[in-house]
PDB file of N, CA and C in Angstrom:
ATOM      1  N   MET A   1       0.834  -1.186   0.000  1.00  0.00           N
ATOM      2  CA  MET A   1       0.000   0.000   0.000  1.00  0.00           C
ATOM      3  C   MET A   1       0.870   1.237   0.000  1.00  0.00           C
ATOM      4  N   SER A   2       0.465   2.225  -0.702  1.00  0.00           N
ATOM      5  CA  SER A   2       1.226   3.461  -0.727  1.00  0.00           C
ATOM      6  C   SER A   2       0.819   4.344   0.445  1.00  0.00           C
ATOM      7  N   ASP A   3       1.709   5.278   0.774  1.00  0.00           N
ATOM      8  CA  ASP A   3       1.460   6.177   1.895  1.00  0.00           C
ATOM      9  C   ASP A   3       0.303   7.135   1.633  1.00  0.00           C
ATOM     10  N   ASP A   4      -0.064   7.349   0.364  1.00  0.00           N
ATOM     11  CA  ASP A   4      -1.089   8.338   0.048  1.00  0.00           C
ATOM     12  C   ASP A   4      -2.494   7.923   0.472  1.00  0.00           C
ATOM     13  N   HIS A   5      -2.702   6.683   0.839  1.00  0.00           N
ATOM     14  CA  HIS A   5      -4.024   6.244   1.300  1.00  0.00           C
ATOM     15  C   HIS A   5      -4.252   6.568   2.773  1.00  0.00           C
ATOM     16  N   CYS A   6      -3.193   6.913   3.480  1.00  0.00           N
ATOM     17  CA  CYS A   6      -3.250   7.092   4.931  1.00  0.00           C
ATOM     18  C   CYS A   6      -3.713   8.501   5.300  1.00  0.00           C
ATOM     19  N   PRO A   7      -4.717   8.609   6.177  1.00  0.00           N
ATOM     20  CA  PRO A   7      -5.200   9.920   6.589  1.00  0.00           C
ATOM     21  C   PRO A   7      -4.228  10.645   7.532  1.00  0.00           C
ATOM     22  N   THR A   8      -3.238   9.930   8.076  1.00  0.00           N
ATOM     23  CA  THR A   8      -2.231  10.537   8.953  1.00  0.00           C
ATOM     24  C   THR A   8      -0.835  10.196   8.437  1.00  0.00           C
ATOM     25  N   PRO A   9      -0.441  10.778   7.306  1.00  0.00           N
ATOM     26  CA  PRO A   9       0.826  10.413   6.671  1.00  0.00           C
ATOM     27  C   PRO A   9       2.067  10.615   7.537  1.00  0.00           C
ATOM     28  N   LYS A  10       2.049  11.574   8.458  1.00  0.00           N
ATOM     29  CA  LYS A  10       3.215  11.771   9.329  1.00  0.00           C
ATOM     30  C   LYS A  10       3.402  10.599  10.283  1.00  0.00           C
ATOM     31  N   LYS A  11       2.315   9.915  10.622  1.00  0.00           N
ATOM     32  CA  LYS A  11       2.388   8.757  11.520  1.00  0.00           C
ATOM     33  C   LYS A  11       2.542   7.450  10.756  1.00  0.00           C
ATOM     34  N   HIS A  12       2.408   7.499   9.438  1.00  0.00           N
ATOM     35  CA  HIS A  12       2.412   6.274   8.638  1.00  0.00           C
ATOM     36  C   HIS A  12       3.677   5.419   8.794  1.00  0.00           C
ATOM     37  N   PRO A  13       4.854   6.006   8.965  1.00  0.00           N
ATOM     38  CA  PRO A  13       6.050   5.154   9.130  1.00  0.00           C
ATOM     39  C   PRO A  13       5.961   4.184  10.308  1.00  0.00           C
ATOM     40  N   LYS A  14       5.098   4.454  11.275  1.00  0.00           N
ATOM     41  CA  LYS A  14       4.941   3.563  12.437  1.00  0.00           C
ATOM     42  C   LYS A  14       3.710   2.666  12.338  1.00  0.00           C
ATOM     43  N   HIS A  15       2.955   2.780  11.265  1.00  0.00           N
ATOM     44  CA  HIS A  15       1.780   1.913  11.089  1.00  0.00           C
ATOM     45  C   HIS A  15       2.229   0.500  10.723  1.00  0.00           C
ATOM     46  N   LEU A  16       1.433  -0.472  11.102  1.00  0.00           N
ATOM     47  CA  LEU A  16       1.796  -1.878  10.923  1.00  0.00           C
ATOM     48  C   LEU A  16       2.056  -2.244   9.469  1.00  0.00           C
ATOM     49  N   CYS A  17       1.283  -1.695   8.543  1.00  0.00           N
ATOM     50  CA  CYS A  17       1.493  -2.020   7.132  1.00  0.00           C
ATOM     51  C   CYS A  17       2.877  -1.572   6.669  1.00  0.00           C
ATOM     52  N   LYS A  18       3.340  -0.433   7.155  1.00  0.00           N
ATOM     53  CA  LYS A  18       4.655   0.083   6.781  1.00  0.00           C
ATOM     54  C   LYS A  18       5.762  -0.723   7.459  1.00  0.00           C
ATOM     55  N   LEU A  19       5.562  -1.088   8.723  1.00  0.00           N
ATOM     56  CA  LEU A  19       6.559  -1.902   9.430  1.00  0.00           C
ATOM     57  C   LEU A  19       6.744  -3.242   8.735  1.00  0.00           C
ATOM     58  N   LYS A  20       5.645  -3.833   8.295  1.00  0.00           N
ATOM     59  CA  LYS A  20       5.712  -5.117   7.585  1.00  0.00           C
ATOM     60  C   LYS A  20       6.481  -4.964   6.276  1.00  0.00           C
ATOM     61  N   LYS A  21       6.186  -3.908   5.545  1.00  0.00           N
ATOM     62  CA  LYS A  21       6.843  -3.658   4.268  1.00  0.00           C
ATOM     63  C   LYS A  21       8.352  -3.460   4.450  1.00  0.00           C
ATOM     64  N   LYS A  22       8.748  -2.836   5.566  1.00  0.00           N
ATOM     65  CA  LYS A  22      10.154  -2.585   5.848  1.00  0.00           C
ATOM     66  C   LYS A  22      10.857  -3.794   6.479  1.00  0.00           C
ATOM     67  N   GLY A  23      10.081  -4.839   6.800  1.00  0.00           N
ATOM     68  CA  GLY A  23      10.659  -6.035   7.394  1.00  0.00           C
ATOM     69  C   GLY A  23      10.977  -5.912   8.871  1.00  0.00           C
ATOM     70  N   LYS A  24      10.351  -4.975   9.550  1.00  0.00           N
ATOM     71  CA  LYS A  24      10.584  -4.774  10.985  1.00  0.00           C
ATOM     72  C   LYS A  24       9.639  -5.673  11.778  1.00  0.00           C
ATOM     73  N   LEU A  25       9.897  -6.965  11.692  1.00  0.00           N
ATOM     74  CA  LEU A  25       8.972  -7.952  12.242  1.00  0.00           C
ATOM     75  C   LEU A  25       8.929  -7.977  13.764  1.00  0.00           C
ATOM     76  N   ASP A  26      10.040  -7.670  14.441  1.00  0.00           N
ATOM     77  CA  ASP A  26      10.029  -7.634  15.905  1.00  0.00           C
ATOM     78  C   ASP A  26       9.123  -6.521  16.417  1.00  0.00           C
ATOM     79  N   GLU A  27       9.258  -5.333  15.819  1.00  0.00           N
ATOM     80  CA  GLU A  27       8.405  -4.217  16.219  1.00  0.00           C
ATOM     81  C   GLU A  27       6.952  -4.496  15.844  1.00  0.00           C
ATOM     82  N   LEU A  28       6.746  -5.081  14.695  1.00  0.00           N
ATOM     83  CA  LEU A  28       5.409  -5.456  14.244  1.00  0.00           C
ATOM     84  C   LEU A  28       4.757  -6.411  15.245  1.00  0.00           C
ATOM     85  N   ALA A  29       5.510  -7.406  15.679  1.00  0.00           N
ATOM     86  CA  ALA A  29       4.982  -8.394  16.629  1.00  0.00           C
ATOM     87  C   ALA A  29       4.618  -7.755  17.967  1.00  0.00           C
ATOM     88  N   SER A  30       5.462  -6.865  18.459  1.00  0.00           N
ATOM     89  CA  SER A  30       5.183  -6.249  19.758  1.00  0.00           C
ATOM     90  C   SER A  30       4.007  -5.285  19.693  1.00  0.00           C
ATOM     91  N   ARG A  31       3.783  -4.668  18.542  1.00  0.00           N
ATOM     92  CA  ARG A  31       2.686  -3.708  18.400  1.00  0.00           C
ATOM     93  C   ARG A  31       1.374  -4.361  17.985  1.00  0.00           C
ATOM     94  N   SER A  32       1.399  -5.686  17.843  1.00  0.00           N
ATOM     95  CA  SER A  32       0.167  -6.398  17.483  1.00  0.00           C
ATOM     96  C   SER A  32      -0.061  -7.635  18.351  1.00  0.00           C
ATOM     97  N   ALA A  33       0.628  -7.715  19.484  1.00  0.00           N
ATOM     98  CA  ALA A  33       0.538  -8.877  20.370  1.00  0.00           C
ATOM     99  C   ALA A  33      -0.842  -9.026  21.022  1.00  0.00           C
ATOM    100  N   LYS A  34      -1.467  -7.889  21.350  1.00  0.00           N
ATOM    101  CA  LYS A  34      -2.788  -7.898  21.994  1.00  0.00           C
ATOM    102  C   LYS A  34      -3.699  -6.928  21.244  1.00  0.00           C
ATOM    103  N   PRO A  35      -4.137  -7.322  20.052  1.00  0.00           N
ATOM    104  CA  PRO A  35      -4.885  -6.387  19.211  1.00  0.00           C
ATOM    105  C   PRO A  35      -6.252  -5.990  19.768  1.00  0.00           C
ATOM    106  N   THR A  36      -6.539  -4.698  19.615  1.00  0.00           N
ATOM    107  CA  THR A  36      -7.847  -4.157  20.003  1.00  0.00           C
ATOM    108  C   THR A  36      -8.506  -3.448  18.821  1.00  0.00           C
ATOM    109  N   THR A  37      -7.738  -3.289  17.740  1.00  0.00           N
ATOM    110  CA  THR A  37      -8.232  -2.563  16.572  1.00  0.00           C
ATOM    111  C   THR A  37      -7.692  -3.202  15.299  1.00  0.00           C
ATOM    112  N   SER A  38      -8.393  -2.976  14.210  1.00  0.00           N
ATOM    113  CA  SER A  38      -7.903  -3.459  12.916  1.00  0.00           C
ATOM    114  C   SER A  38      -8.014  -2.320  11.908  1.00  0.00           C
ATOM    115  N   CYS A  39      -7.245  -2.423  10.841  1.00  0.00           N
ATOM    116  CA  CYS A  39      -7.310  -1.425   9.783  1.00  0.00           C
ATOM    117  C   CYS A  39      -8.464  -1.789   8.853  1.00  0.00           C
ATOM    118  N   ASP A  40      -9.344  -0.852   8.644  1.00  0.00           N
ATOM    119  CA  ASP A  40     -10.501  -1.084   7.787  1.00  0.00           C
ATOM    120  C   ASP A  40     -10.090  -1.212   6.317  1.00  0.00           C
ATOM    121  N   LYS A  41      -8.877  -0.808   5.989  1.00  0.00           N
ATOM    122  CA  LYS A  41      -8.387  -0.842   4.613  1.00  0.00           C
ATOM    123  C   LYS A  41      -7.639  -2.152   4.304  1.00  0.00           C
ATOM    124  N   CYS A  42      -6.663  -2.521   5.169  1.00  0.00           N
ATOM    125  CA  CYS A  42      -5.820  -3.687   4.861  1.00  0.00           C
ATOM    126  C   CYS A  42      -6.025  -4.869   5.809  1.00  0.00           C
ATOM    127  N   GLY A  43      -6.743  -4.637   6.926  1.00  0.00           N
ATOM    128  CA  GLY A  43      -7.021  -5.727   7.851  1.00  0.00           C
ATOM    129  C   GLY A  43      -5.960  -5.958   8.913  1.00  0.00           C
ATOM    130  N   ALA A  44      -4.869  -5.179   8.910  1.00  0.00           N
ATOM    131  CA  ALA A  44      -3.831  -5.330   9.935  1.00  0.00           C
ATOM    132  C   ALA A  44      -4.451  -5.112  11.309  1.00  0.00           C
ATOM    133  N   GLN A  45      -4.026  -5.902  12.290  1.00  0.00           N
ATOM    134  CA  GLN A  45      -4.555  -5.778  13.644  1.00  0.00           C
ATOM    135  C   GLN A  45      -3.468  -5.262  14.566  1.00  0.00           C
ATOM    136  N   GLY A  46      -3.806  -4.235  15.344  1.00  0.00           N
ATOM    137  CA  GLY A  46      -2.836  -3.613  16.231  1.00  0.00           C
ATOM    138  C   GLY A  46      -3.353  -3.462  17.639  1.00  0.00           C
ATOM    139  N   ASN A  47      -2.409  -3.226  18.546  1.00  0.00           N
ATOM    140  CA  ASN A  47      -2.748  -3.029  19.947  1.00  0.00           C
ATOM    141  C   ASN A  47      -3.506  -1.717  20.166  1.00  0.00           C
ATOM    142  N   LEU A  48      -3.124  -0.682  19.415  1.00  0.00           N
ATOM    143  CA  LEU A  48      -3.698   0.654  19.576  1.00  0.00           C
ATOM    144  C   LEU A  48      -4.205   1.184  18.243  1.00  0.00           C
ATOM    145  N   ALA A  49      -5.148   2.095  18.299  1.00  0.00           N
ATOM    146  CA  ALA A  49      -5.703   2.678  17.081  1.00  0.00           C
ATOM    147  C   ALA A  49      -4.620   3.360  16.244  1.00  0.00           C
ATOM    148  N   GLU A  50      -3.622   3.959  16.899  1.00  0.00           N
ATOM    149  CA  GLU A  50      -2.579   4.661  16.135  1.00  0.00           C
ATOM    150  C   GLU A  50      -1.598   3.708  15.442  1.00  0.00           C
ATOM    151  N   ASP A  51      -1.777   2.410  15.623  1.00  0.00           N
ATOM    152  CA  ASP A  51      -0.928   1.422  14.953  1.00  0.00           C
ATOM    153  C   ASP A  51      -1.374   1.134  13.520  1.00  0.00           C
ATOM    154  N   VAL A  52      -2.558   1.607  13.138  1.00  0.00           N
ATOM    155  CA  VAL A  52      -3.084   1.333  11.802  1.00  0.00           C
ATOM    156  C   VAL A  52      -3.595   2.619  11.149  1.00  0.00           C
ATOM    157  N   CYS A  53      -3.774   2.573   9.835  1.00  0.00           N
ATOM    158  CA  CYS A  53      -4.199   3.764   9.084  1.00  0.00           C
ATOM    159  C   CYS A  53      -5.674   4.104   9.281  1.00  0.00           C
ATOM    160  N   HIS A  54      -6.514   3.091   9.179  1.00  0.00           N
ATOM    161  CA  HIS A  54      -7.966   3.289   9.262  1.00  0.00           C
ATOM    162  C   HIS A  54      -8.509   2.393  10.383  1.00  0.00           C
ATOM    163  N   PRO A  55      -8.368   2.823  11.663  1.00  0.00           N
ATOM    164  CA  PRO A  55      -8.744   1.972  12.786  1.00  0.00           C
ATOM    165  C   PRO A  55     -10.233   1.675  12.880  1.00  0.00           C
ATOM    166  N   LYS A  56     -10.501   0.415  13.238  1.00  0.00           N
ATOM    167  CA  LYS A  56     -11.854  -0.063  13.476  1.00  0.00           C
ATOM    168  C   LYS A  56     -11.758  -0.995  14.674  1.00  0.00           C
ATOM    169  N   LYS A  57     -12.544  -0.748  15.693  1.00  0.00           N
ATOM    170  CA  LYS A  57     -12.495  -1.549  16.914  1.00  0.00           C
ATOM    171  C   LYS A  57     -12.840  -3.005  16.626  1.00  0.00           C
ATOM    172  N   LEU A  58     -12.078  -3.918  17.228  1.00  0.00           N
ATOM    173  CA  LEU A  58     -12.351  -5.357  17.058  1.00  0.00           C
ATOM    174  C   LEU A  58     -13.542  -5.771  17.884  1.00  0.00           C
TER     175      LEU A  58
END
């Protein structure tokens, strides 16, 4: 996914989709260990709403 789909582009480098693309799997795992939200666009599940581009409560 490109960064232009994200409503918060300044925070996008820390979103799960970007971490996965960069291969930062340790950080990805720690930020998705206890998911409470998912991205309505790509389905990534994160611990916090700010971990994804389009948060939707699980």
